[in-house]
N, C-alpha and C. Protein backbone atom coordinates (compact mmCIF):
# COMPACT_ATOMS: atom_id res chain seq x y z
N MET A 1 124.15 63.73 204.40
CA MET A 1 124.67 65.08 204.44
C MET A 1 125.95 65.11 205.29
N PRO A 2 126.99 65.84 204.85
CA PRO A 2 128.25 65.86 205.60
C PRO A 2 128.13 66.63 206.91
N ASN A 3 129.03 66.30 207.81
CA ASN A 3 129.06 67.00 209.08
C ASN A 3 129.45 68.47 208.87
N LYS A 4 129.19 69.30 209.88
CA LYS A 4 129.56 70.71 209.80
C LYS A 4 131.07 70.87 209.69
N THR A 5 131.83 70.02 210.39
CA THR A 5 133.28 70.14 210.32
C THR A 5 133.80 69.82 208.93
N GLN A 6 133.16 68.89 208.26
CA GLN A 6 133.61 68.54 206.91
C GLN A 6 133.25 69.63 205.91
N ARG A 7 132.21 70.38 206.19
CA ARG A 7 131.83 71.45 205.26
C ARG A 7 132.71 72.68 205.42
N THR A 8 133.23 72.92 206.63
CA THR A 8 133.93 74.17 206.86
C THR A 8 135.45 74.02 206.81
N ARG A 9 135.98 72.81 206.90
CA ARG A 9 137.43 72.65 206.86
C ARG A 9 137.97 72.94 205.47
N LYS A 10 139.23 73.36 205.40
CA LYS A 10 139.86 73.63 204.11
C LYS A 10 140.11 72.32 203.39
N LYS A 11 139.85 72.34 202.09
CA LYS A 11 140.03 71.15 201.28
C LYS A 11 141.05 71.43 200.18
N LYS A 12 141.72 70.38 199.77
CA LYS A 12 142.69 70.50 198.69
C LYS A 12 142.48 69.31 197.76
N MET A 13 142.43 69.59 196.47
CA MET A 13 142.26 68.53 195.49
C MET A 13 143.64 67.95 195.16
N VAL A 14 143.76 66.64 195.25
CA VAL A 14 145.02 65.96 195.02
C VAL A 14 144.83 64.97 193.88
N ARG A 15 145.73 65.03 192.90
CA ARG A 15 145.64 64.09 191.77
C ARG A 15 146.39 62.82 192.11
N THR A 16 145.71 61.71 192.00
CA THR A 16 146.31 60.40 192.23
C THR A 16 146.21 59.63 190.92
N PRO A 17 146.91 58.51 190.78
CA PRO A 17 146.84 57.78 189.51
C PRO A 17 145.43 57.33 189.15
N GLY A 18 144.62 56.98 190.12
CA GLY A 18 143.29 56.48 189.81
C GLY A 18 142.29 57.60 189.55
N LYS A 19 142.29 58.61 190.40
CA LYS A 19 141.30 59.69 190.28
C LYS A 19 141.81 60.91 191.03
N THR A 20 141.08 61.98 190.91
CA THR A 20 141.37 63.18 191.69
C THR A 20 140.55 63.11 192.97
N SER A 21 141.22 63.15 194.11
CA SER A 21 140.51 63.03 195.38
C SER A 21 140.63 64.32 196.19
N ARG A 22 139.75 64.44 197.15
CA ARG A 22 139.73 65.63 197.98
C ARG A 22 140.27 65.27 199.36
N ARG A 23 141.25 66.05 199.82
CA ARG A 23 141.83 65.83 201.14
C ARG A 23 141.67 67.08 201.97
N PHE A 24 141.57 66.89 203.28
CA PHE A 24 141.44 68.02 204.18
C PHE A 24 142.83 68.51 204.57
N VAL A 25 142.98 69.82 204.60
CA VAL A 25 144.25 70.44 204.90
C VAL A 25 144.24 70.89 206.35
N GLY A 26 145.28 70.55 207.10
CA GLY A 26 145.38 70.99 208.49
C GLY A 26 145.71 72.47 208.56
N THR A 27 145.34 73.08 209.65
CA THR A 27 145.60 74.51 209.81
C THR A 27 146.89 74.71 210.59
N LYS A 28 147.51 75.84 210.35
CA LYS A 28 148.73 76.20 211.04
C LYS A 28 148.37 76.70 212.44
N ALA A 29 149.15 76.31 213.42
CA ALA A 29 148.88 76.72 214.79
C ALA A 29 149.16 78.21 214.97
N ARG A 30 148.41 78.83 215.86
CA ARG A 30 148.65 80.24 216.16
C ARG A 30 149.95 80.39 216.91
N PRO A 31 150.58 81.57 216.84
CA PRO A 31 151.77 81.78 217.66
C PRO A 31 151.40 81.77 219.14
N HIS A 32 152.28 81.30 219.97
CA HIS A 32 152.04 81.31 221.41
C HIS A 32 151.95 82.75 221.89
N ALA A 33 151.11 83.00 222.88
CA ALA A 33 150.86 84.37 223.33
C ALA A 33 151.39 84.56 224.74
N SER A 34 151.72 85.81 225.06
CA SER A 34 152.19 86.17 226.39
C SER A 34 151.07 86.02 227.40
N ALA A 35 151.42 85.62 228.63
CA ALA A 35 150.41 85.40 229.66
C ALA A 35 149.79 86.70 230.15
N LEU A 36 150.52 87.80 230.07
CA LEU A 36 149.99 89.07 230.57
C LEU A 36 149.29 89.89 229.49
N SER A 37 149.96 90.11 228.38
CA SER A 37 149.40 91.02 227.38
C SER A 37 148.73 90.32 226.21
N GLY A 38 149.02 89.05 225.99
CA GLY A 38 148.43 88.33 224.87
C GLY A 38 149.15 88.56 223.56
N ARG A 39 150.24 89.31 223.55
CA ARG A 39 151.01 89.52 222.32
C ARG A 39 151.84 88.28 222.01
N PRO A 40 152.20 88.07 220.74
CA PRO A 40 152.92 86.84 220.39
C PRO A 40 154.32 86.80 221.02
N LEU A 41 154.74 85.57 221.32
CA LEU A 41 156.06 85.35 221.90
C LEU A 41 157.08 85.20 220.80
N SER A 42 158.26 85.74 221.01
CA SER A 42 159.35 85.55 220.06
C SER A 42 160.26 84.46 220.60
N GLY A 43 160.87 83.73 219.71
CA GLY A 43 161.79 82.67 220.12
C GLY A 43 161.10 81.35 220.42
N VAL A 44 159.80 81.25 220.18
CA VAL A 44 159.07 80.01 220.43
C VAL A 44 158.52 79.55 219.09
N THR A 45 158.81 78.31 218.73
CA THR A 45 158.37 77.82 217.42
C THR A 45 156.87 77.60 217.41
N HIS A 46 156.28 77.82 216.27
CA HIS A 46 154.86 77.52 216.09
C HIS A 46 154.67 77.11 214.64
N GLY A 47 153.61 76.41 214.40
CA GLY A 47 153.33 75.93 213.06
C GLY A 47 152.70 74.56 213.14
N LYS A 48 152.73 73.86 212.03
CA LYS A 48 152.20 72.50 212.03
C LYS A 48 153.12 71.60 212.83
N ARG A 49 152.55 70.57 213.43
CA ARG A 49 153.30 69.73 214.35
C ARG A 49 154.50 69.08 213.67
N GLY A 50 154.35 68.69 212.42
CA GLY A 50 155.46 68.05 211.72
C GLY A 50 156.65 68.97 211.54
N LYS A 51 156.39 70.25 211.26
CA LYS A 51 157.48 71.20 211.08
C LYS A 51 158.13 71.53 212.42
N VAL A 52 157.33 71.64 213.47
CA VAL A 52 157.87 71.96 214.79
C VAL A 52 158.74 70.82 215.29
N ASN A 53 158.32 69.58 215.04
CA ASN A 53 159.08 68.43 215.51
C ASN A 53 160.42 68.29 214.80
N LYS A 54 160.60 68.91 213.65
CA LYS A 54 161.86 68.82 212.93
C LYS A 54 162.95 69.66 213.59
N HIS A 55 162.56 70.65 214.41
CA HIS A 55 163.55 71.46 215.10
C HIS A 55 164.19 70.65 216.21
N SER A 56 165.44 70.98 216.52
CA SER A 56 166.10 70.29 217.62
C SER A 56 165.53 70.78 218.95
N LYS A 57 165.89 70.07 220.02
CA LYS A 57 165.34 70.38 221.34
C LYS A 57 165.76 71.78 221.79
N THR A 58 166.99 72.17 221.48
CA THR A 58 167.46 73.48 221.92
C THR A 58 166.82 74.60 221.11
N GLN A 59 166.38 74.33 219.90
CA GLN A 59 165.69 75.37 219.13
C GLN A 59 164.27 75.58 219.63
N LYS A 60 163.68 74.57 220.23
CA LYS A 60 162.31 74.67 220.73
C LYS A 60 162.25 75.24 222.14
N ARG A 61 163.34 75.19 222.89
CA ARG A 61 163.32 75.56 224.30
C ARG A 61 163.90 76.96 224.49
N PRO A 62 163.12 77.93 224.96
CA PRO A 62 163.68 79.25 225.25
C PRO A 62 164.51 79.21 226.53
N THR A 63 165.58 79.99 226.58
CA THR A 63 166.51 79.91 227.70
C THR A 63 166.43 81.11 228.64
N VAL A 64 165.70 82.15 228.29
CA VAL A 64 165.62 83.33 229.15
C VAL A 64 164.64 83.06 230.30
N PRO A 65 164.73 83.82 231.40
CA PRO A 65 163.73 83.66 232.46
C PRO A 65 162.33 83.99 231.94
N PHE A 66 161.37 83.21 232.30
CA PHE A 66 159.98 83.32 231.84
C PHE A 66 159.86 83.16 230.32
N GLY A 67 160.83 82.51 229.70
CA GLY A 67 160.75 82.25 228.27
C GLY A 67 159.64 81.25 227.98
N GLY A 68 158.84 81.50 226.98
CA GLY A 68 157.71 80.66 226.68
C GLY A 68 156.47 81.05 227.46
N LEU A 69 156.58 82.05 228.33
CA LEU A 69 155.46 82.50 229.13
C LEU A 69 155.18 83.98 228.91
N LEU A 70 156.26 84.80 228.88
CA LEU A 70 156.13 86.25 228.69
C LEU A 70 156.96 86.70 227.51
N ASN A 71 156.50 87.74 226.84
CA ASN A 71 157.30 88.31 225.76
C ASN A 71 158.29 89.32 226.37
N GLY A 72 159.12 89.92 225.55
CA GLY A 72 160.22 90.77 226.02
C GLY A 72 159.80 91.93 226.91
N PRO A 73 158.88 92.80 226.45
CA PRO A 73 158.50 93.94 227.30
C PRO A 73 157.84 93.53 228.61
N ASP A 74 157.02 92.48 228.59
CA ASP A 74 156.38 92.02 229.82
C ASP A 74 157.41 91.43 230.78
N ARG A 75 158.36 90.67 230.23
CA ARG A 75 159.41 90.08 231.06
C ARG A 75 160.26 91.17 231.71
N ARG A 76 160.59 92.20 230.95
CA ARG A 76 161.38 93.30 231.49
C ARG A 76 160.63 94.02 232.61
N ARG A 77 159.32 94.23 232.41
CA ARG A 77 158.52 94.92 233.42
C ARG A 77 158.44 94.10 234.71
N ILE A 78 158.28 92.78 234.59
CA ILE A 78 158.20 91.93 235.76
C ILE A 78 159.53 91.95 236.52
N MET A 79 160.64 91.87 235.82
CA MET A 79 161.94 91.88 236.48
C MET A 79 162.20 93.23 237.17
N GLU A 80 161.78 94.33 236.53
CA GLU A 80 161.94 95.65 237.16
C GLU A 80 161.08 95.75 238.42
N GLN A 81 159.85 95.26 238.35
CA GLN A 81 158.97 95.29 239.52
C GLN A 81 159.55 94.43 240.65
N ALA A 82 160.13 93.28 240.30
CA ALA A 82 160.72 92.41 241.31
C ALA A 82 161.91 93.08 241.98
N ALA A 83 162.71 93.80 241.21
CA ALA A 83 163.84 94.52 241.80
C ALA A 83 163.36 95.64 242.73
N ARG A 84 162.27 96.32 242.35
CA ARG A 84 161.72 97.37 243.21
C ARG A 84 161.18 96.79 244.51
N VAL A 85 160.54 95.64 244.42
CA VAL A 85 160.01 95.01 245.63
C VAL A 85 161.16 94.53 246.52
N ARG A 86 162.19 93.98 245.92
CA ARG A 86 163.32 93.44 246.69
C ARG A 86 164.05 94.53 247.44
N HIS A 87 164.21 95.70 246.83
CA HIS A 87 164.97 96.78 247.46
C HIS A 87 164.09 97.72 248.28
N GLY A 88 162.81 97.42 248.39
CA GLY A 88 161.94 98.16 249.29
C GLY A 88 161.31 99.42 248.71
N PHE A 89 161.43 99.66 247.41
CA PHE A 89 160.78 100.83 246.80
C PHE A 89 159.28 100.62 246.62
N LYS A 90 158.88 99.36 246.67
CA LYS A 90 157.48 99.01 246.45
C LYS A 90 157.15 97.78 247.27
N THR A 91 155.91 97.67 247.70
CA THR A 91 155.50 96.46 248.42
C THR A 91 154.84 95.51 247.43
N ILE A 92 154.81 94.24 247.80
CA ILE A 92 154.21 93.24 246.91
C ILE A 92 152.71 93.44 246.80
N GLN A 93 152.08 94.03 247.83
CA GLN A 93 150.64 94.28 247.78
C GLN A 93 150.29 95.43 246.85
N ALA A 94 151.25 96.30 246.55
CA ALA A 94 150.99 97.43 245.66
C ALA A 94 151.04 97.02 244.19
N VAL A 95 151.41 95.80 243.93
CA VAL A 95 151.54 95.32 242.55
C VAL A 95 150.22 94.71 242.11
N ASN A 96 149.96 94.76 240.83
CA ASN A 96 148.78 94.14 240.24
C ASN A 96 148.72 92.66 240.63
N LEU A 97 147.52 92.19 240.97
CA LEU A 97 147.35 90.83 241.46
C LEU A 97 147.80 89.79 240.43
N LYS A 98 147.58 90.07 239.16
CA LYS A 98 147.97 89.13 238.10
C LYS A 98 149.49 89.00 238.01
N GLU A 99 150.18 90.08 238.38
CA GLU A 99 151.64 90.07 238.28
C GLU A 99 152.33 89.60 239.56
N GLN A 100 151.60 89.51 240.67
CA GLN A 100 152.22 89.16 241.94
C GLN A 100 152.87 87.79 241.92
N ILE A 101 152.22 86.81 241.31
CA ILE A 101 152.77 85.45 241.27
C ILE A 101 154.07 85.44 240.47
N LEU A 102 154.08 86.15 239.35
CA LEU A 102 155.28 86.18 238.52
C LEU A 102 156.40 86.91 239.23
N ILE A 103 156.07 87.96 239.98
CA ILE A 103 157.10 88.72 240.70
C ILE A 103 157.68 87.85 241.83
N GLN A 104 156.85 87.08 242.50
CA GLN A 104 157.36 86.19 243.54
C GLN A 104 158.29 85.13 242.94
N GLN A 105 157.96 84.63 241.75
CA GLN A 105 158.85 83.69 241.08
C GLN A 105 160.15 84.36 240.69
N ALA A 106 160.07 85.61 240.21
CA ALA A 106 161.28 86.34 239.83
C ALA A 106 162.16 86.61 241.05
N LEU A 107 161.54 86.91 242.19
CA LEU A 107 162.31 87.14 243.41
C LEU A 107 163.05 85.88 243.84
N SER A 108 162.43 84.73 243.70
CA SER A 108 163.12 83.49 244.04
C SER A 108 164.28 83.23 243.08
N LYS A 109 164.14 83.62 241.81
CA LYS A 109 165.23 83.43 240.85
C LYS A 109 166.36 84.42 241.10
N ILE A 110 166.02 85.65 241.55
CA ILE A 110 167.05 86.66 241.82
C ILE A 110 167.88 86.24 243.04
N GLU A 111 167.22 85.68 244.06
CA GLU A 111 167.90 85.32 245.30
C GLU A 111 168.80 84.10 245.15
N GLU A 112 168.58 83.30 244.13
CA GLU A 112 169.41 82.09 243.94
C GLU A 112 170.82 82.43 243.56
């Protein structure tokens, strides 16, 4: 009896000169998700490994701050919170604990 993985994986029938054989089809990778909200990231390649590897290094690497980690609205919110903390409108303890680490990283990037 076949394994559970062999029963549930997607199969594709392929015609070869000798016979028709069954091959397993790989699945497409999910889009990368934001660390805070879980929404998909834009500007980050996703898909099967062979297709992703065909892109050049600069196409795979995001250049914005927190690129590959946060999506646009989350990144904007973190930068705004970091500016508020830097100028004294808010304390770092008043910020959500999950966002404190990102805000401290943003503050170090702003000060550079």
